[in-house]
Amino acid sequence: MKQVARETMEILGKGGGYIAAPTHSIPGDVPPENVVAMIEVFQNQ
């Protein structure tokens, strides 16, 4: 899952076009391990 998060950030973030913020909602059916992987990628960018 971390690779998917990295790839998504790379695509959406070109030129500073994507900001991950606490206001983004996460649907209730997303597995907790996917949320953890995403947070770890954001913290280590």
PDB file of N, CA and C in Angstrom:
ATOM      1  N   MET A   1       0.808  -1.209   0.000  1.00  0.00           N
ATOM      2  CA  MET A   1       0.000   0.000   0.000  1.00  0.00           C
ATOM      3  C   MET A   1       0.846   1.267   0.000  1.00  0.00           C
ATOM      4  N   LYS A   2       2.021   1.199   0.610  1.00  0.00           N
ATOM      5  CA  LYS A   2       2.858   2.400   0.636  1.00  0.00           C
ATOM      6  C   LYS A   2       3.248   2.832  -0.767  1.00  0.00           C
ATOM      7  N   GLN A   3       3.502   1.868  -1.649  1.00  0.00           N
ATOM      8  CA  GLN A   3       3.884   2.211  -3.015  1.00  0.00           C
ATOM      9  C   GLN A   3       2.742   2.933  -3.725  1.00  0.00           C
ATOM     10  N   VAL A   4       1.522   2.496  -3.498  1.00  0.00           N
ATOM     11  CA  VAL A   4       0.364   3.156  -4.107  1.00  0.00           C
ATOM     12  C   VAL A   4       0.248   4.585  -3.592  1.00  0.00           C
ATOM     13  N   ALA A   5       0.457   4.785  -2.297  1.00  0.00           N
ATOM     14  CA  ALA A   5       0.391   6.137  -1.726  1.00  0.00           C
ATOM     15  C   ALA A   5       1.481   7.018  -2.313  1.00  0.00           C
ATOM     16  N   ARG A   6       2.693   6.477  -2.447  1.00  0.00           N
ATOM     17  CA  ARG A   6       3.792   7.254  -3.035  1.00  0.00           C
ATOM     18  C   ARG A   6       3.480   7.648  -4.481  1.00  0.00           C
ATOM     19  N   GLU A   7       2.992   6.680  -5.260  1.00  0.00           N
ATOM     20  CA  GLU A   7       2.672   6.954  -6.660  1.00  0.00           C
ATOM     21  C   GLU A   7       1.566   8.002  -6.783  1.00  0.00           C
ATOM     22  N   THR A   8       0.563   7.906  -5.937  1.00  0.00           N
ATOM     23  CA  THR A   8      -0.540   8.868  -5.969  1.00  0.00           C
ATOM     24  C   THR A   8      -0.047  10.260  -5.616  1.00  0.00           C
ATOM     25  N   MET A   9       0.785  10.360  -4.586  1.00  0.00           N
ATOM     26  CA  MET A   9       1.327  11.666  -4.202  1.00  0.00           C
ATOM     27  C   MET A   9       2.193  12.248  -5.308  1.00  0.00           C
ATOM     28  N   GLU A  10       2.956  11.391  -5.983  1.00  0.00           N
ATOM     29  CA  GLU A  10       3.807  11.865  -7.069  1.00  0.00           C
ATOM     30  C   GLU A  10       2.970  12.423  -8.223  1.00  0.00           C
ATOM     31  N   ILE A  11       1.908  11.718  -8.567  1.00  0.00           N
ATOM     32  CA  ILE A  11       1.042  12.157  -9.674  1.00  0.00           C
ATOM     33  C   ILE A  11       0.295  13.438  -9.304  1.00  0.00           C
ATOM     34  N   LEU A  12      -0.336  13.456  -8.143  1.00  0.00           N
ATOM     35  CA  LEU A  12      -1.163  14.604  -7.761  1.00  0.00           C
ATOM     36  C   LEU A  12      -0.357  15.789  -7.259  1.00  0.00           C
ATOM     37  N   GLY A  13       0.879  15.555  -6.821  1.00  0.00           N
ATOM     38  CA  GLY A  13       1.662  16.612  -6.209  1.00  0.00           C
ATOM     39  C   GLY A  13       2.594  17.361  -7.131  1.00  0.00           C
ATOM     40  N   LYS A  14       2.601  17.015  -8.419  1.00  0.00           N
ATOM     41  CA  LYS A  14       3.512  17.707  -9.337  1.00  0.00           C
ATOM     42  C   LYS A  14       3.269  19.213  -9.284  1.00  0.00           C
ATOM     43  N   GLY A  15       4.333  19.944  -9.088  1.00  0.00           N
ATOM     44  CA  GLY A  15       4.233  21.393  -9.033  1.00  0.00           C
ATOM     45  C   GLY A  15       3.565  21.895  -7.760  1.00  0.00           C
ATOM     46  N   GLY A  16       3.526  21.057  -6.734  1.00  0.00           N
ATOM     47  CA  GLY A  16       2.925  21.471  -5.471  1.00  0.00           C
ATOM     48  C   GLY A  16       1.408  21.460  -5.505  1.00  0.00           C
ATOM     49  N   GLY A  17       0.816  20.617  -6.356  1.00  0.00           N
ATOM     50  CA  GLY A  17      -0.623  20.642  -6.566  1.00  0.00           C
ATOM     51  C   GLY A  17      -1.466  19.848  -5.585  1.00  0.00           C
ATOM     52  N   TYR A  18      -0.861  19.151  -4.617  1.00  0.00           N
ATOM     53  CA  TYR A  18      -1.669  18.351  -3.689  1.00  0.00           C
ATOM     54  C   TYR A  18      -1.224  18.621  -2.271  1.00  0.00           C
ATOM     55  N   ILE A  19      -2.177  18.846  -1.403  1.00  0.00           N
ATOM     56  CA  ILE A  19      -1.887  19.076   0.013  1.00  0.00           C
ATOM     57  C   ILE A  19      -2.678  18.068   0.818  1.00  0.00           C
ATOM     58  N   ALA A  20      -1.995  17.244   1.592  1.00  0.00           N
ATOM     59  CA  ALA A  20      -2.666  16.311   2.490  1.00  0.00           C
ATOM     60  C   ALA A  20      -2.902  17.039   3.808  1.00  0.00           C
ATOM     61  N   ALA A  21      -4.130  17.072   4.238  1.00  0.00           N
ATOM     62  CA  ALA A  21      -4.471  17.821   5.441  1.00  0.00           C
ATOM     63  C   ALA A  21      -5.478  17.044   6.278  1.00  0.00           C
ATOM     64  N   PRO A  22      -5.583  17.364   7.556  1.00  0.00           N
ATOM     65  CA  PRO A  22      -6.507  16.637   8.430  1.00  0.00           C
ATOM     66  C   PRO A  22      -7.981  16.831   8.083  1.00  0.00           C
ATOM     67  N   THR A  23      -8.271  17.712   7.151  1.00  0.00           N
ATOM     68  CA  THR A  23      -9.665  17.914   6.766  1.00  0.00           C
ATOM     69  C   THR A  23     -10.152  16.895   5.749  1.00  0.00           C
ATOM     70  N   HIS A  24      -9.234  16.095   5.204  1.00  0.00           N
ATOM     71  CA  HIS A  24      -9.622  15.069   4.240  1.00  0.00           C
ATOM     72  C   HIS A  24     -10.281  13.915   4.985  1.00  0.00           C
ATOM     73  N   SER A  25     -11.443  13.513   4.532  1.00  0.00           N
ATOM     74  CA  SER A  25     -12.130  12.417   5.198  1.00  0.00           C
ATOM     75  C   SER A  25     -11.727  11.089   4.574  1.00  0.00           C
ATOM     76  N   ILE A  26     -11.725  10.050   5.390  1.00  0.00           N
ATOM     77  CA  ILE A  26     -11.396   8.701   4.942  1.00  0.00           C
ATOM     78  C   ILE A  26     -12.662   7.872   5.085  1.00  0.00           C
ATOM     79  N   PRO A  27     -13.121   7.264   3.997  1.00  0.00           N
ATOM     80  CA  PRO A  27     -14.338   6.450   4.076  1.00  0.00           C
ATOM     81  C   PRO A  27     -14.200   5.330   5.110  1.00  0.00           C
ATOM     82  N   GLY A  28     -15.302   4.963   5.712  1.00  0.00           N
ATOM     83  CA  GLY A  28     -15.305   3.971   6.778  1.00  0.00           C
ATOM     84  C   GLY A  28     -14.925   2.571   6.350  1.00  0.00           C
ATOM     85  N   ASP A  29     -14.976   2.281   5.047  1.00  0.00           N
ATOM     86  CA  ASP A  29     -14.638   0.933   4.600  1.00  0.00           C
ATOM     87  C   ASP A  29     -13.168   0.761   4.222  1.00  0.00           C
ATOM     88  N   VAL A  30     -12.349   1.785   4.442  1.00  0.00           N
ATOM     89  CA  VAL A  30     -10.924   1.676   4.163  1.00  0.00           C
ATOM     90  C   VAL A  30     -10.265   0.890   5.299  1.00  0.00           C
ATOM     91  N   PRO A  31      -9.505  -0.163   4.970  1.00  0.00           N
ATOM     92  CA  PRO A  31      -8.844  -0.949   6.017  1.00  0.00           C
ATOM     93  C   PRO A  31      -7.861  -0.089   6.822  1.00  0.00           C
ATOM     94  N   PRO A  32      -7.834  -0.267   8.128  1.00  0.00           N
ATOM     95  CA  PRO A  32      -6.938   0.529   8.975  1.00  0.00           C
ATOM     96  C   PRO A  32      -5.472   0.467   8.537  1.00  0.00           C
ATOM     97  N   GLU A  33      -5.018  -0.698   8.041  1.00  0.00           N
ATOM     98  CA  GLU A  33      -3.616  -0.800   7.623  1.00  0.00           C
ATOM     99  C   GLU A  33      -3.326   0.096   6.419  1.00  0.00           C
ATOM    100  N   ASN A  34      -4.311   0.373   5.599  1.00  0.00           N
ATOM    101  CA  ASN A  34      -4.120   1.301   4.479  1.00  0.00           C
ATOM    102  C   ASN A  34      -3.968   2.733   4.986  1.00  0.00           C
ATOM    103  N   VAL A  35      -4.727   3.077   6.000  1.00  0.00           N
ATOM    104  CA  VAL A  35      -4.624   4.423   6.586  1.00  0.00           C
ATOM    105  C   VAL A  35      -3.244   4.605   7.220  1.00  0.00           C
ATOM    106  N   VAL A  36      -2.784   3.601   7.945  1.00  0.00           N
ATOM    107  CA  VAL A  36      -1.464   3.661   8.580  1.00  0.00           C
ATOM    108  C   VAL A  36      -0.374   3.808   7.515  1.00  0.00           C
ATOM    109  N   ALA A  37      -0.463   3.028   6.444  1.00  0.00           N
ATOM    110  CA  ALA A  37       0.529   3.111   5.365  1.00  0.00           C
ATOM    111  C   ALA A  37       0.545   4.510   4.760  1.00  0.00           C
ATOM    112  N   MET A  38      -0.618   5.085   4.524  1.00  0.00           N
ATOM    113  CA  MET A  38      -0.701   6.427   3.952  1.00  0.00           C
ATOM    114  C   MET A  38      -0.056   7.454   4.887  1.00  0.00           C
ATOM    115  N   ILE A  39      -0.362   7.364   6.165  1.00  0.00           N
ATOM    116  CA  ILE A  39       0.205   8.310   7.135  1.00  0.00           C
ATOM    117  C   ILE A  39       1.720   8.192   7.185  1.00  0.00           C
ATOM    118  N   GLU A  40       2.233   6.965   7.165  1.00  0.00           N
ATOM    119  CA  GLU A  40       3.684   6.767   7.198  1.00  0.00           C
ATOM    120  C   GLU A  40       4.347   7.373   5.959  1.00  0.00           C
ATOM    121  N   VAL A  41       3.735   7.233   4.814  1.00  0.00           N
ATOM    122  CA  VAL A  41       4.279   7.819   3.594  1.00  0.00           C
ATOM    123  C   VAL A  41       4.262   9.345   3.709  1.00  0.00           C
ATOM    124  N   PHE A  42       3.159   9.906   4.171  1.00  0.00           N
ATOM    125  CA  PHE A  42       3.080  11.372   4.324  1.00  0.00           C
ATOM    126  C   PHE A  42       4.150  11.882   5.277  1.00  0.00           C
ATOM    127  N   GLN A  43       4.371  11.173   6.377  1.00  0.00           N
ATOM    128  CA  GLN A  43       5.354  11.624   7.369  1.00  0.00           C
ATOM    129  C   GLN A  43       6.780  11.536   6.861  1.00  0.00           C
ATOM    130  N   ASN A  44       7.041  10.641   5.928  1.00  0.00           N
ATOM    131  CA  ASN A  44       8.403  10.409   5.461  1.00  0.00           C
ATOM    132  C   ASN A  44       8.689  10.984   4.085  1.00  0.00           C
ATOM    133  N   GLN A  45       7.845  11.883   3.618  1.00  0.00           N
ATOM    134  CA  GLN A  45       8.090  12.449   2.290  1.00  0.00           C
ATOM    135  C   GLN A  45       9.183  13.481   2.322  1.00  0.00           C
TER     136      GLN A  45
END
